[in-house]
Amino acid sequence: MKRVAGICFGALLLCLTACSTQDVRNFLDKLTARPAQSSESVEPPPPPPPPPAKPVKTGHAKKSDPKPDLTDEELVEYLRGKLLVDSPSDGFNDNLEVAYEPSTSVLTVTRPGGRCDHFLNALDTNSMVWDIFDPGDTHNSREGLLRLTVTSTRGKTARTCYDKENHLDENASSNRARFLFSSSKAEQSPGFQDNMTKALKKLIVISGGAPEKKIF
């Protein structure tokens, strides 16, 4: 009987030993298997986001701020400078001096033969005309001059002219103001006529003259 019990105990011990060995093996297999599964299951990091798109340039350039309007003094200096720099130089029609009196709106142009006072507050900006004036006579030929003519509004005097002795020149038409320039000098200044027209119109309106109107 004791022998049988010993045999059974030995068999049980072998069984337990075998089970323990198997459990150890299973446990080791799980330990080695987990890192592999973990490494295989880790997803790769997402790709970096694309760089921000550059703004598409259009064909329209940014509009620059409008230029401020010229002041009364700046307009006067512009006109005075042009009358002197682009003056005729024939000894008869030269613009020797140009002055402006703001209290009376009188623009005075002095030439070799005398002076003319132009009343800007009496002029009509709708009547400006450019032409080429021939200052020559039957005995002498001179360079053609670029002339700007502006008439006065009804019932007003455009200019009054005087000779060198300060006597009234009755031959000068009083309902027209005229400004003379060297045509060859004016050609060297791009947009000369347009710029002069705009500047004189502004000064006439500021002085109290008739503003420009669209007839058609």
C-alpha atoms as a PDB file:
ATOM      1  CA  MET A   1       0.000   0.000   0.000  1.00  0.00           C
ATOM      2  CA  LYS A   2       2.788   2.409   0.860  1.00  0.00           C
ATOM      3  CA  ARG A   3       4.450   1.556  -2.403  1.00  0.00           C
ATOM      4  CA  VAL A   4       1.328   2.458  -4.322  1.00  0.00           C
ATOM      5  CA  ALA A   5       1.078   5.758  -2.454  1.00  0.00           C
ATOM      6  CA  GLY A   6       4.702   6.538  -3.219  1.00  0.00           C
ATOM      7  CA  ILE A   7       4.169   5.834  -6.880  1.00  0.00           C
ATOM      8  CA  CYS A   8       1.127   8.148  -6.960  1.00  0.00           C
ATOM      9  CA  PHE A   9       3.019  10.911  -5.152  1.00  0.00           C
ATOM     10  CA  GLY A  10       5.889  10.632  -7.608  1.00  0.00           C
ATOM     11  CA  ALA A  11       3.542  10.784 -10.560  1.00  0.00           C
ATOM     12  CA  LEU A  12       1.826  13.838  -9.091  1.00  0.00           C
ATOM     13  CA  LEU A  13       5.146  15.548  -8.512  1.00  0.00           C
ATOM     14  CA  LEU A  14       6.197  14.906 -12.098  1.00  0.00           C
ATOM     15  CA  CYS A  15       2.882  16.301 -13.327  1.00  0.00           C
ATOM     16  CA  LEU A  16       3.224  19.439 -11.233  1.00  0.00           C
ATOM     17  CA  THR A  17       6.808  19.896 -12.367  1.00  0.00           C
ATOM     18  CA  ALA A  18       5.776  19.514 -15.981  1.00  0.00           C
ATOM     19  CA  CYS A  19       2.945  22.013 -15.510  1.00  0.00           C
ATOM     20  CA  SER A  20       5.258  24.513 -13.874  1.00  0.00           C
ATOM     21  CA  THR A  21       7.808  24.186 -16.643  1.00  0.00           C
ATOM     22  CA  GLN A  22       5.107  24.687 -19.261  1.00  0.00           C
ATOM     23  CA  ASP A  23       3.760  27.750 -17.414  1.00  0.00           C
ATOM     24  CA  VAL A  24       7.235  29.201 -17.254  1.00  0.00           C
ATOM     25  CA  ARG A  25       7.703  28.654 -20.961  1.00  0.00           C
ATOM     26  CA  ASN A  26       4.333  30.215 -21.737  1.00  0.00           C
ATOM     27  CA  PHE A  27       5.156  33.189 -19.542  1.00  0.00           C
ATOM     28  CA  LEU A  28       8.535  33.671 -21.275  1.00  0.00           C
ATOM     29  CA  ASP A  29       6.889  33.383 -24.677  1.00  0.00           C
ATOM     30  CA  LYS A  30       4.415  36.081 -23.735  1.00  0.00           C
ATOM     31  CA  LEU A  31       7.195  38.354 -22.515  1.00  0.00           C
ATOM     32  CA  THR A  32       9.123  37.974 -25.740  1.00  0.00           C
ATOM     33  CA  ALA A  33       5.990  38.262 -27.861  1.00  0.00           C
ATOM     34  CA  ARG A  34       4.677  41.526 -26.308  1.00  0.00           C
ATOM     35  CA  PRO A  35       7.520  43.819 -27.409  1.00  0.00           C
ATOM     36  CA  ALA A  36       7.282  42.447 -30.954  1.00  0.00           C
ATOM     37  CA  GLN A  37       3.540  43.004 -31.057  1.00  0.00           C
ATOM     38  CA  SER A  38       3.988  46.422 -29.477  1.00  0.00           C
ATOM     39  CA  SER A  39       6.631  47.435 -32.037  1.00  0.00           C
ATOM     40  CA  GLU A  40       4.515  46.163 -34.872  1.00  0.00           C
ATOM     41  CA  SER A  41       1.382  47.917 -33.675  1.00  0.00           C
ATOM     42  CA  VAL A  42       3.009  51.387 -33.290  1.00  0.00           C
ATOM     43  CA  GLU A  43       1.831  53.603 -36.145  1.00  0.00           C
ATOM     44  CA  PRO A  44       4.391  55.808 -37.932  1.00  0.00           C
ATOM     45  CA  PRO A  45       4.267  59.544 -37.065  1.00  0.00           C
ATOM     46  CA  PRO A  46       2.016  61.641 -39.331  1.00  0.00           C
ATOM     47  CA  PRO A  47       3.753  63.554 -42.124  1.00  0.00           C
ATOM     48  CA  PRO A  48       4.500  67.246 -41.427  1.00  0.00           C
ATOM     49  CA  PRO A  49       1.814  69.702 -42.611  1.00  0.00           C
ATOM     50  CA  PRO A  50       2.411  71.306 -46.006  1.00  0.00           C
ATOM     51  CA  PRO A  51       3.874  74.831 -45.974  1.00  0.00           C
ATOM     52  CA  PRO A  52       1.306  77.640 -46.149  1.00  0.00           C
ATOM     53  CA  ALA A  53       0.369  78.563 -49.665  1.00  0.00           C
ATOM     54  CA  LYS A  54       1.921  81.790 -50.936  1.00  0.00           C
ATOM     55  CA  PRO A  55      -0.582  84.504 -51.841  1.00  0.00           C
ATOM     56  CA  VAL A  56      -1.271  84.588 -55.530  1.00  0.00           C
ATOM     57  CA  LYS A  57      -0.140  87.850 -57.072  1.00  0.00           C
ATOM     58  CA  THR A  58      -2.685  89.471 -59.282  1.00  0.00           C
ATOM     59  CA  GLY A  59      -2.040  91.832 -62.128  1.00  0.00           C
ATOM     60  CA  HIS A  60      -3.394  94.792 -60.160  1.00  0.00           C
ATOM     61  CA  ALA A  61      -0.753  96.777 -58.326  1.00  0.00           C
ATOM     62  CA  LYS A  62      -1.584  98.447 -55.046  1.00  0.00           C
ATOM     63  CA  LYS A  63      -3.039 101.845 -55.657  1.00  0.00           C
ATOM     64  CA  SER A  64      -0.864 104.639 -54.383  1.00  0.00           C
ATOM     65  CA  ASP A  65      -2.340 107.349 -52.241  1.00  0.00           C
ATOM     66  CA  PRO A  66      -3.598 110.311 -54.242  1.00  0.00           C
ATOM     67  CA  LYS A  67      -1.307 113.310 -54.305  1.00  0.00           C
ATOM     68  CA  PRO A  68      -2.470 116.226 -52.195  1.00  0.00           C
ATOM     69  CA  ASP A  69      -3.714 119.314 -54.025  1.00  0.00           C
ATOM     70  CA  LEU A  70      -1.319 122.194 -54.409  1.00  0.00           C
ATOM     71  CA  THR A  71      -1.828 125.213 -52.188  1.00  0.00           C
ATOM     72  CA  ASP A  72      -2.431 128.719 -53.575  1.00  0.00           C
ATOM     73  CA  GLU A  73       1.218 129.621 -53.028  1.00  0.00           C
ATOM     74  CA  GLU A  74       2.438 126.446 -54.742  1.00  0.00           C
ATOM     75  CA  LEU A  75       0.208 127.087 -57.763  1.00  0.00           C
ATOM     76  CA  VAL A  76       1.487 130.654 -58.039  1.00  0.00           C
ATOM     77  CA  GLU A  77       5.105 129.522 -57.795  1.00  0.00           C
ATOM     78  CA  TYR A  78       4.517 126.850 -60.443  1.00  0.00           C
ATOM     79  CA  LEU A  79       2.981 129.340 -62.893  1.00  0.00           C
ATOM     80  CA  ARG A  80       5.609 131.969 -62.157  1.00  0.00           C
ATOM     81  CA  GLY A  81       8.418 129.451 -62.679  1.00  0.00           C
ATOM     82  CA  LYS A  82       7.023 128.259 -66.004  1.00  0.00           C
ATOM     83  CA  LEU A  83       6.444 131.783 -67.298  1.00  0.00           C
ATOM     84  CA  LEU A  84      10.050 132.703 -66.492  1.00  0.00           C
ATOM     85  CA  VAL A  85      11.876 129.487 -67.410  1.00  0.00           C
ATOM     86  CA  ASP A  86       9.964 128.882 -70.641  1.00  0.00           C
ATOM     87  CA  SER A  87       9.824 132.569 -71.543  1.00  0.00           C
ATOM     88  CA  PRO A  88      10.313 133.804 -75.098  1.00  0.00           C
ATOM     89  CA  SER A  89      13.738 135.296 -75.636  1.00  0.00           C
ATOM     90  CA  ASP A  90      13.278 137.576 -78.633  1.00  0.00           C
ATOM     91  CA  GLY A  91      13.816 140.821 -76.737  1.00  0.00           C
ATOM     92  CA  PHE A  92      10.182 141.905 -77.152  1.00  0.00           C
ATOM     93  CA  ASN A  93       7.950 139.278 -75.585  1.00  0.00           C
ATOM     94  CA  ASP A  94      10.235 138.039 -72.818  1.00  0.00           C
ATOM     95  CA  ASN A  95       8.595 137.442 -69.429  1.00  0.00           C
ATOM     96  CA  LEU A  96      11.006 139.458 -67.300  1.00  0.00           C
ATOM     97  CA  GLU A  97       9.107 139.268 -64.007  1.00  0.00           C
ATOM     98  CA  VAL A  98       5.924 137.642 -62.718  1.00  0.00           C
ATOM     99  CA  ALA A  99       4.171 138.637 -59.476  1.00  0.00           C
ATOM    100  CA  TYR A 100       0.854 137.753 -57.846  1.00  0.00           C
ATOM    101  CA  GLU A 101      -1.154 139.809 -55.374  1.00  0.00           C
ATOM    102  CA  PRO A 102      -3.555 137.492 -53.486  1.00  0.00           C
ATOM    103  CA  SER A 103      -5.632 140.333 -52.013  1.00  0.00           C
ATOM    104  CA  THR A 104      -6.715 141.464 -55.503  1.00  0.00           C
ATOM    105  CA  SER A 105      -6.125 138.195 -57.432  1.00  0.00           C
ATOM    106  CA  VAL A 106      -3.947 140.104 -59.914  1.00  0.00           C
ATOM    107  CA  LEU A 107      -1.187 138.297 -61.809  1.00  0.00           C
ATOM    108  CA  THR A 108       1.281 140.856 -63.213  1.00  0.00           C
ATOM    109  CA  VAL A 109       3.632 139.921 -66.064  1.00  0.00           C
ATOM    110  CA  THR A 110       6.374 142.405 -66.946  1.00  0.00           C
ATOM    111  CA  ARG A 111       7.913 142.450 -70.433  1.00  0.00           C
ATOM    112  CA  PRO A 112      10.478 144.756 -72.126  1.00  0.00           C
ATOM    113  CA  GLY A 113       7.724 147.031 -73.449  1.00  0.00           C
ATOM    114  CA  GLY A 114       5.748 147.315 -70.209  1.00  0.00           C
ATOM    115  CA  ARG A 115       3.473 145.175 -68.050  1.00  0.00           C
ATOM    116  CA  CYS A 116       0.004 143.620 -67.984  1.00  0.00           C
ATOM    117  CA  ASP A 117      -2.168 143.061 -64.915  1.00  0.00           C
ATOM    118  CA  HIS A 118      -4.329 139.938 -65.314  1.00  0.00           C
ATOM    119  CA  PHE A 119      -7.452 139.766 -63.135  1.00  0.00           C
ATOM    120  CA  LEU A 120      -7.803 136.061 -62.426  1.00  0.00           C
ATOM    121  CA  ASN A 121     -11.116 136.437 -60.581  1.00  0.00           C
ATOM    122  CA  ALA A 122     -12.648 137.801 -63.806  1.00  0.00           C
ATOM    123  CA  LEU A 123     -11.528 134.939 -66.086  1.00  0.00           C
ATOM    124  CA  ASP A 124     -13.613 132.051 -67.396  1.00  0.00           C
ATOM    125  CA  THR A 125     -11.887 128.650 -67.244  1.00  0.00           C
ATOM    126  CA  ASN A 126     -14.148 127.353 -70.043  1.00  0.00           C
ATOM    127  CA  SER A 127     -12.553 129.705 -72.583  1.00  0.00           C
ATOM    128  CA  MET A 128      -8.903 128.573 -72.546  1.00  0.00           C
ATOM    129  CA  VAL A 129      -7.334 128.272 -76.009  1.00  0.00           C
ATOM    130  CA  TRP A 130      -3.767 127.402 -77.076  1.00  0.00           C
ATOM    131  CA  ASP A 131      -2.317 128.550 -80.397  1.00  0.00           C
ATOM    132  CA  ILE A 132       0.968 129.445 -82.089  1.00  0.00           C
ATOM    133  CA  PHE A 133       1.473 133.203 -82.300  1.00  0.00           C
ATOM    134  CA  ASP A 134       3.744 134.777 -84.909  1.00  0.00           C
ATOM    135  CA  PRO A 135       5.350 137.857 -83.316  1.00  0.00           C
ATOM    136  CA  GLY A 136       7.231 138.837 -86.479  1.00  0.00           C
ATOM    137  CA  ASP A 137       6.457 141.765 -88.748  1.00  0.00           C
ATOM    138  CA  THR A 138       7.134 142.665 -92.355  1.00  0.00           C
ATOM    139  CA  HIS A 139      10.749 143.523 -91.574  1.00  0.00           C
ATOM    140  CA  ASN A 140      11.695 140.937 -88.953  1.00  0.00           C
ATOM    141  CA  SER A 141      10.872 137.270 -88.515  1.00  0.00           C
ATOM    142  CA  ARG A 142      10.855 135.729 -85.044  1.00  0.00           C
ATOM    143  CA  GLU A 143      10.289 132.357 -83.525  1.00  0.00           C
ATOM    144  CA  GLY A 144       6.643 131.344 -83.249  1.00  0.00           C
ATOM    145  CA  LEU A 145       5.395 131.597 -79.675  1.00  0.00           C
ATOM    146  CA  LEU A 146       3.074 129.315 -77.785  1.00  0.00           C
ATOM    147  CA  ARG A 147       0.176 131.446 -76.554  1.00  0.00           C
ATOM    148  CA  LEU A 148      -2.510 130.720 -73.980  1.00  0.00           C
ATOM    149  CA  THR A 149      -5.614 132.934 -74.219  1.00  0.00           C
ATOM    150  CA  VAL A 150      -8.351 133.155 -71.583  1.00  0.00           C
ATOM    151  CA  THR A 151     -11.383 135.421 -71.948  1.00  0.00           C
ATOM    152  CA  SER A 152     -13.218 137.157 -69.112  1.00  0.00           C
ATOM    153  CA  THR A 153     -16.774 136.563 -68.018  1.00  0.00           C
ATOM    154  CA  ARG A 154     -19.409 138.950 -69.324  1.00  0.00           C
ATOM    155  CA  GLY A 155     -18.978 142.535 -68.147  1.00  0.00           C
ATOM    156  CA  LYS A 156     -15.565 142.010 -66.495  1.00  0.00           C
ATOM    157  CA  THR A 157     -12.078 143.142 -67.482  1.00  0.00           C
ATOM    158  CA  ALA A 158      -9.546 140.362 -68.107  1.00  0.00           C
ATOM    159  CA  ARG A 159      -6.417 142.528 -68.113  1.00  0.00           C
ATOM    160  CA  THR A 160      -5.038 146.045 -68.160  1.00  0.00           C
ATOM    161  CA  CYS A 161      -1.692 146.771 -69.849  1.00  0.00           C
ATOM    162  CA  TYR A 162       0.748 149.666 -69.445  1.00  0.00           C
ATOM    163  CA  ASP A 163       3.827 150.814 -71.352  1.00  0.00           C
ATOM    164  CA  LYS A 164       7.265 151.434 -69.834  1.00  0.00           C
ATOM    165  CA  GLU A 165       6.218 154.932 -68.744  1.00  0.00           C
ATOM    166  CA  ASN A 166       3.222 153.428 -66.928  1.00  0.00           C
ATOM    167  CA  HIS A 167       0.766 154.813 -69.482  1.00  0.00           C
ATOM    168  CA  LEU A 168      -2.348 152.790 -70.271  1.00  0.00           C
ATOM    169  CA  ASP A 169      -1.972 150.718 -73.451  1.00  0.00           C
ATOM    170  CA  GLU A 170      -5.295 151.171 -75.195  1.00  0.00           C
ATOM    171  CA  ASN A 171      -4.315 148.795 -77.992  1.00  0.00           C
ATOM    172  CA  ALA A 172      -4.335 145.757 -75.704  1.00  0.00           C
ATOM    173  CA  SER A 173      -7.676 143.967 -75.667  1.00  0.00           C
ATOM    174  CA  SER A 174      -9.188 144.137 -72.181  1.00  0.00           C
ATOM    175  CA  ASN A 175     -11.444 141.096 -72.420  1.00  0.00           C
ATOM    176  CA  ARG A 176      -8.628 138.624 -73.039  1.00  0.00           C
ATOM    177  CA  ALA A 177      -5.707 137.547 -70.885  1.00  0.00           C
ATOM    178  CA  ARG A 178      -2.735 136.235 -72.829  1.00  0.00           C
ATOM    179  CA  PHE A 179       0.357 134.345 -71.644  1.00  0.00           C
ATOM    180  CA  LEU A 180       3.327 133.726 -73.942  1.00  0.00           C
ATOM    181  CA  PHE A 181       5.894 130.893 -73.914  1.00  0.00           C
ATOM    182  CA  SER A 182       8.753 129.798 -76.119  1.00  0.00           C
ATOM    183  CA  SER A 183       7.419 126.951 -78.243  1.00  0.00           C
ATOM    184  CA  SER A 184      10.850 125.270 -78.489  1.00  0.00           C
ATOM    185  CA  LYS A 185      11.301 125.358 -74.691  1.00  0.00           C
ATOM    186  CA  ALA A 186       7.764 124.097 -74.057  1.00  0.00           C
ATOM    187  CA  GLU A 187       8.374 121.104 -76.316  1.00  0.00           C
ATOM    188  CA  GLN A 188      11.143 119.969 -73.987  1.00  0.00           C
ATOM    189  CA  SER A 189       8.720 119.751 -71.041  1.00  0.00           C
ATOM    190  CA  PRO A 190       6.410 116.681 -71.299  1.00  0.00           C
ATOM    191  CA  GLY A 191       2.731 117.532 -70.815  1.00  0.00           C
ATOM    192  CA  PHE A 192       3.474 121.244 -70.763  1.00  0.00           C
ATOM    193  CA  GLN A 193       0.112 122.478 -72.060  1.00  0.00           C
ATOM    194  CA  ASP A 194      -1.969 120.085 -69.950  1.00  0.00           C
ATOM    195  CA  ASN A 195      -0.091 120.934 -66.753  1.00  0.00           C
ATOM    196  CA  MET A 196      -0.275 124.671 -67.373  1.00  0.00           C
ATOM    197  CA  THR A 197      -3.989 124.457 -68.163  1.00  0.00           C
ATOM    198  CA  LYS A 198      -4.738 122.521 -64.963  1.00  0.00           C
ATOM    199  CA  ALA A 199      -2.649 124.820 -62.775  1.00  0.00           C
ATOM    200  CA  LEU A 200      -4.110 128.042 -64.189  1.00  0.00           C
ATOM    201  CA  LYS A 201      -7.677 126.716 -63.976  1.00  0.00           C
ATOM    202  CA  LYS A 202      -7.209 125.857 -60.300  1.00  0.00           C
ATOM    203  CA  LEU A 203      -5.749 129.260 -59.517  1.00  0.00           C
ATOM    204  CA  ILE A 204      -8.550 131.042 -61.389  1.00  0.00           C
ATOM    205  CA  VAL A 205     -11.228 129.113 -59.469  1.00  0.00           C
ATOM    206  CA  ILE A 206      -9.475 129.723 -56.135  1.00  0.00           C
ATOM    207  CA  SER A 207      -9.290 133.438 -56.989  1.00  0.00           C
ATOM    208  CA  GLY A 208     -13.048 133.591 -57.679  1.00  0.00           C
ATOM    209  CA  GLY A 209     -13.164 133.065 -61.445  1.00  0.00           C
ATOM    210  CA  ALA A 210     -15.735 130.977 -63.308  1.00  0.00           C
ATOM    211  CA  PRO A 211     -15.248 127.205 -62.778  1.00  0.00           C
ATOM    212  CA  GLU A 212     -15.181 124.734 -65.612  1.00  0.00           C
ATOM    213  CA  LYS A 213     -18.546 123.418 -66.865  1.00  0.00           C
ATOM    214  CA  LYS A 214     -19.352 120.474 -69.092  1.00  0.00           C
ATOM    215  CA  ILE A 215     -21.390 121.849 -71.947  1.00  0.00           C
ATOM    216  CA  PHE A 216     -21.935 118.563 -73.767  1.00  0.00           C
END
